[in-house]
Amino acid sequence: MSKESWSAIKGSGVGSIIGLVFGVATLDTIGFDRISLFEGILLAGCSVFGGVLFGALIGVTGAFRKEPARAAKETEPALGAPRVA
């Protein structure tokens, strides 16, 4: 398994936990007595799904990777700068 896919899996796991907590907090704010069981499950499921997507996106971009970022070479010119021979 590649490092990017493993980072996406870890990120989606963290995102699902955050989404579940957010969904339960939203249900608590609305009030459990004002909402039906189906609506509560749907709201919590949607927040978990959003957390999984967001966590996977953050994980793929490198938030959960352990490898250091590459440093730019000193000999490369900046973008748009003319090359000097």
N, C-alpha and C. Protein backbone atom coordinates (compact mmCIF):
# COMPACT_ATOMS: atom_id res chain seq x y z
N MET A 1 0.85 -1.17 0.00
CA MET A 1 0.00 0.00 0.00
C MET A 1 0.90 1.23 0.00
N SER A 2 0.56 2.21 -0.83
CA SER A 2 1.39 3.40 -0.94
C SER A 2 1.20 4.30 0.27
N LYS A 3 2.14 5.22 0.43
CA LYS A 3 2.09 6.13 1.57
C LYS A 3 0.92 7.09 1.45
N GLU A 4 0.58 7.48 0.22
CA GLU A 4 -0.53 8.40 0.03
C GLU A 4 -1.86 7.77 0.41
N SER A 5 -2.05 6.51 0.00
CA SER A 5 -3.31 5.84 0.33
C SER A 5 -3.41 5.56 1.84
N TRP A 6 -2.28 5.21 2.47
CA TRP A 6 -2.31 4.99 3.91
C TRP A 6 -2.61 6.30 4.65
N SER A 7 -2.07 7.42 4.16
CA SER A 7 -2.37 8.72 4.76
C SER A 7 -3.84 9.08 4.58
N ALA A 8 -4.41 8.73 3.42
CA ALA A 8 -5.83 9.00 3.18
C ALA A 8 -6.71 8.16 4.11
N ILE A 9 -6.31 6.91 4.37
CA ILE A 9 -7.08 6.05 5.27
C ILE A 9 -7.02 6.59 6.70
N LYS A 10 -5.83 7.00 7.13
CA LYS A 10 -5.72 7.57 8.48
C LYS A 10 -6.50 8.87 8.59
N GLY A 11 -6.43 9.69 7.55
CA GLY A 11 -7.18 10.95 7.57
C GLY A 11 -8.68 10.74 7.57
N SER A 12 -9.15 9.74 6.82
CA SER A 12 -10.59 9.48 6.81
C SER A 12 -11.05 8.91 8.14
N GLY A 13 -10.20 8.16 8.82
CA GLY A 13 -10.55 7.67 10.16
C GLY A 13 -10.69 8.81 11.16
N VAL A 14 -9.74 9.73 11.14
CA VAL A 14 -9.82 10.89 12.03
C VAL A 14 -11.02 11.76 11.66
N GLY A 15 -11.25 11.92 10.36
CA GLY A 15 -12.39 12.73 9.90
C GLY A 15 -13.73 12.13 10.28
N SER A 16 -13.82 10.80 10.28
CA SER A 16 -15.09 10.17 10.66
C SER A 16 -15.38 10.38 12.14
N ILE A 17 -14.35 10.35 12.96
CA ILE A 17 -14.56 10.60 14.39
C ILE A 17 -14.99 12.05 14.61
N ILE A 18 -14.31 12.99 13.94
CA ILE A 18 -14.67 14.40 14.07
C ILE A 18 -16.09 14.63 13.54
N GLY A 19 -16.45 14.01 12.42
CA GLY A 19 -17.79 14.15 11.86
C GLY A 19 -18.86 13.59 12.78
N LEU A 20 -18.59 12.47 13.42
CA LEU A 20 -19.56 11.89 14.36
C LEU A 20 -19.77 12.80 15.56
N VAL A 21 -18.68 13.34 16.09
CA VAL A 21 -18.79 14.26 17.22
C VAL A 21 -19.58 15.51 16.81
N PHE A 22 -19.30 16.02 15.61
CA PHE A 22 -20.02 17.20 15.13
C PHE A 22 -21.51 16.89 14.93
N GLY A 23 -21.83 15.72 14.39
CA GLY A 23 -23.23 15.34 14.19
C GLY A 23 -23.99 15.20 15.50
N VAL A 24 -23.37 14.59 16.49
CA VAL A 24 -24.02 14.44 17.79
C VAL A 24 -24.18 15.80 18.47
N ALA A 25 -23.19 16.67 18.33
CA ALA A 25 -23.30 18.02 18.91
C ALA A 25 -24.41 18.81 18.22
N THR A 26 -24.57 18.63 16.92
CA THR A 26 -25.66 19.31 16.21
C THR A 26 -27.01 18.79 16.68
N LEU A 27 -27.12 17.48 16.85
CA LEU A 27 -28.36 16.90 17.35
C LEU A 27 -28.66 17.37 18.77
N ASP A 28 -27.63 17.51 19.57
CA ASP A 28 -27.83 17.99 20.93
C ASP A 28 -28.29 19.45 20.92
N THR A 29 -27.77 20.24 20.00
CA THR A 29 -28.18 21.63 19.89
C THR A 29 -29.63 21.75 19.43
N ILE A 30 -30.01 20.94 18.44
CA ILE A 30 -31.39 20.95 17.95
C ILE A 30 -32.34 20.45 19.02
N GLY A 31 -31.94 19.43 19.71
CA GLY A 31 -32.79 18.82 20.72
C GLY A 31 -33.27 17.47 20.23
N PHE A 32 -33.01 16.44 21.02
CA PHE A 32 -33.37 15.08 20.61
C PHE A 32 -34.89 14.88 20.58
N ASP A 33 -35.64 15.67 21.33
CA ASP A 33 -37.09 15.50 21.37
C ASP A 33 -37.79 16.13 20.16
N ARG A 34 -37.11 16.97 19.41
CA ARG A 34 -37.72 17.65 18.25
C ARG A 34 -37.42 16.97 16.93
N ILE A 35 -36.68 15.90 16.95
CA ILE A 35 -36.24 15.28 15.71
C ILE A 35 -36.56 13.78 15.76
N SER A 36 -36.94 13.22 14.62
CA SER A 36 -37.24 11.79 14.58
C SER A 36 -35.95 10.97 14.50
N LEU A 37 -36.07 9.68 14.71
CA LEU A 37 -34.90 8.80 14.68
C LEU A 37 -34.25 8.80 13.30
N PHE A 38 -35.07 8.74 12.25
CA PHE A 38 -34.53 8.73 10.88
C PHE A 38 -33.76 10.01 10.59
N GLU A 39 -34.33 11.16 10.97
CA GLU A 39 -33.65 12.43 10.74
C GLU A 39 -32.34 12.51 11.51
N GLY A 40 -32.32 12.00 12.73
CA GLY A 40 -31.10 12.01 13.53
C GLY A 40 -30.01 11.14 12.93
N ILE A 41 -30.40 9.95 12.46
CA ILE A 41 -29.42 9.06 11.83
C ILE A 41 -28.92 9.66 10.52
N LEU A 42 -29.82 10.28 9.77
CA LEU A 42 -29.43 10.90 8.51
C LEU A 42 -28.47 12.06 8.74
N LEU A 43 -28.74 12.90 9.73
CA LEU A 43 -27.87 14.03 10.01
C LEU A 43 -26.50 13.56 10.48
N ALA A 44 -26.47 12.59 11.38
CA ALA A 44 -25.19 12.07 11.86
C ALA A 44 -24.42 11.37 10.74
N GLY A 45 -25.14 10.63 9.89
CA GLY A 45 -24.48 9.96 8.77
C GLY A 45 -23.89 10.93 7.76
N CYS A 46 -24.61 12.00 7.50
CA CYS A 46 -24.09 13.02 6.56
C CYS A 46 -22.87 13.71 7.13
N SER A 47 -22.86 13.99 8.42
CA SER A 47 -21.69 14.64 9.01
C SER A 47 -20.50 13.68 9.06
N VAL A 48 -20.73 12.40 9.29
CA VAL A 48 -19.63 11.42 9.24
C VAL A 48 -19.09 11.32 7.82
N PHE A 49 -19.98 11.29 6.82
CA PHE A 49 -19.54 11.21 5.42
C PHE A 49 -18.71 12.43 5.04
N GLY A 50 -19.16 13.61 5.44
CA GLY A 50 -18.38 14.82 5.17
C GLY A 50 -17.04 14.80 5.87
N GLY A 51 -17.00 14.28 7.09
CA GLY A 51 -15.73 14.16 7.80
C GLY A 51 -14.77 13.19 7.14
N VAL A 52 -15.30 12.10 6.61
CA VAL A 52 -14.46 11.13 5.90
C VAL A 52 -13.87 11.75 4.64
N LEU A 53 -14.69 12.45 3.87
CA LEU A 53 -14.19 13.09 2.65
C LEU A 53 -13.14 14.15 2.96
N PHE A 54 -13.44 15.01 3.93
CA PHE A 54 -12.50 16.06 4.29
C PHE A 54 -11.21 15.49 4.87
N GLY A 55 -11.32 14.48 5.72
CA GLY A 55 -10.14 13.85 6.30
C GLY A 55 -9.27 13.16 5.27
N ALA A 56 -9.89 12.52 4.29
CA ALA A 56 -9.12 11.88 3.23
C ALA A 56 -8.40 12.92 2.38
N LEU A 57 -9.04 14.04 2.11
CA LEU A 57 -8.42 15.12 1.35
C LEU A 57 -7.23 15.69 2.10
N ILE A 58 -7.40 15.93 3.38
CA ILE A 58 -6.30 16.46 4.18
C ILE A 58 -5.19 15.41 4.31
N GLY A 59 -5.56 14.16 4.44
CA GLY A 59 -4.56 13.10 4.55
C GLY A 59 -3.72 12.93 3.31
N VAL A 60 -4.33 13.03 2.14
CA VAL A 60 -3.59 12.88 0.89
C VAL A 60 -2.63 14.04 0.67
N THR A 61 -3.02 15.24 1.12
CA THR A 61 -2.16 16.39 0.92
C THR A 61 -0.96 16.40 1.85
N GLY A 62 -0.92 15.53 2.82
CA GLY A 62 0.29 15.37 3.62
C GLY A 62 0.18 15.72 5.08
N ALA A 63 -0.98 15.96 5.61
CA ALA A 63 -1.09 16.33 7.01
C ALA A 63 -0.77 15.15 7.93
N PHE A 64 -0.98 13.93 7.49
CA PHE A 64 -0.75 12.76 8.33
C PHE A 64 0.46 11.95 7.91
N ARG A 65 1.31 12.52 7.06
CA ARG A 65 2.52 11.83 6.64
C ARG A 65 3.68 12.18 7.55
N LYS A 66 4.63 11.26 7.68
CA LYS A 66 5.77 11.48 8.56
C LYS A 66 7.01 11.92 7.81
N GLU A 67 7.03 11.82 6.49
CA GLU A 67 8.22 12.17 5.74
C GLU A 67 8.35 13.70 5.64
N PRO A 68 9.56 14.22 5.74
CA PRO A 68 9.73 15.67 5.67
C PRO A 68 9.53 16.18 4.25
N ALA A 69 9.17 17.43 4.13
CA ALA A 69 8.98 18.04 2.81
C ALA A 69 10.33 18.23 2.15
N ARG A 70 10.36 18.14 0.81
CA ARG A 70 11.60 18.34 0.07
C ARG A 70 11.96 19.82 0.05
N ALA A 71 13.23 20.09 0.20
CA ALA A 71 13.70 21.47 0.12
C ALA A 71 14.03 21.78 -1.35
N ALA A 72 13.78 22.99 -1.78
CA ALA A 72 14.09 23.40 -3.14
C ALA A 72 15.60 23.54 -3.30
N LYS A 73 16.07 23.22 -4.49
CA LYS A 73 17.50 23.36 -4.76
C LYS A 73 17.85 24.84 -4.83
N GLU A 74 19.04 25.17 -4.35
CA GLU A 74 19.46 26.57 -4.36
C GLU A 74 19.82 27.04 -5.75
N THR A 75 20.14 26.14 -6.66
CA THR A 75 20.58 26.54 -8.00
C THR A 75 19.40 26.81 -8.94
N GLU A 76 18.19 26.41 -8.56
CA GLU A 76 17.04 26.64 -9.42
C GLU A 76 16.57 28.08 -9.31
N PRO A 77 16.29 28.73 -10.45
CA PRO A 77 15.77 30.09 -10.39
C PRO A 77 14.31 30.09 -9.94
N ALA A 78 13.86 31.19 -9.41
CA ALA A 78 12.46 31.32 -9.01
C ALA A 78 11.58 31.32 -10.24
N LEU A 79 10.28 31.09 -10.04
CA LEU A 79 9.36 31.07 -11.17
C LEU A 79 9.31 32.44 -11.82
N GLY A 80 9.45 32.46 -13.11
CA GLY A 80 9.39 33.71 -13.85
C GLY A 80 10.71 34.46 -13.91
N ALA A 81 11.73 34.02 -13.19
CA ALA A 81 13.02 34.70 -13.22
C ALA A 81 13.81 34.24 -14.44
N PRO A 82 14.51 35.15 -15.07
CA PRO A 82 15.31 34.74 -16.24
C PRO A 82 16.51 33.90 -15.82
N ARG A 83 16.87 32.93 -16.66
CA ARG A 83 18.01 32.07 -16.38
C ARG A 83 19.30 32.83 -16.72
N VAL A 84 20.26 32.75 -15.81
CA VAL A 84 21.57 33.36 -16.04
C VAL A 84 22.56 32.25 -16.28
N ALA A 85 23.29 32.34 -17.39
CA ALA A 85 24.22 31.27 -17.75
C ALA A 85 25.56 31.42 -17.08
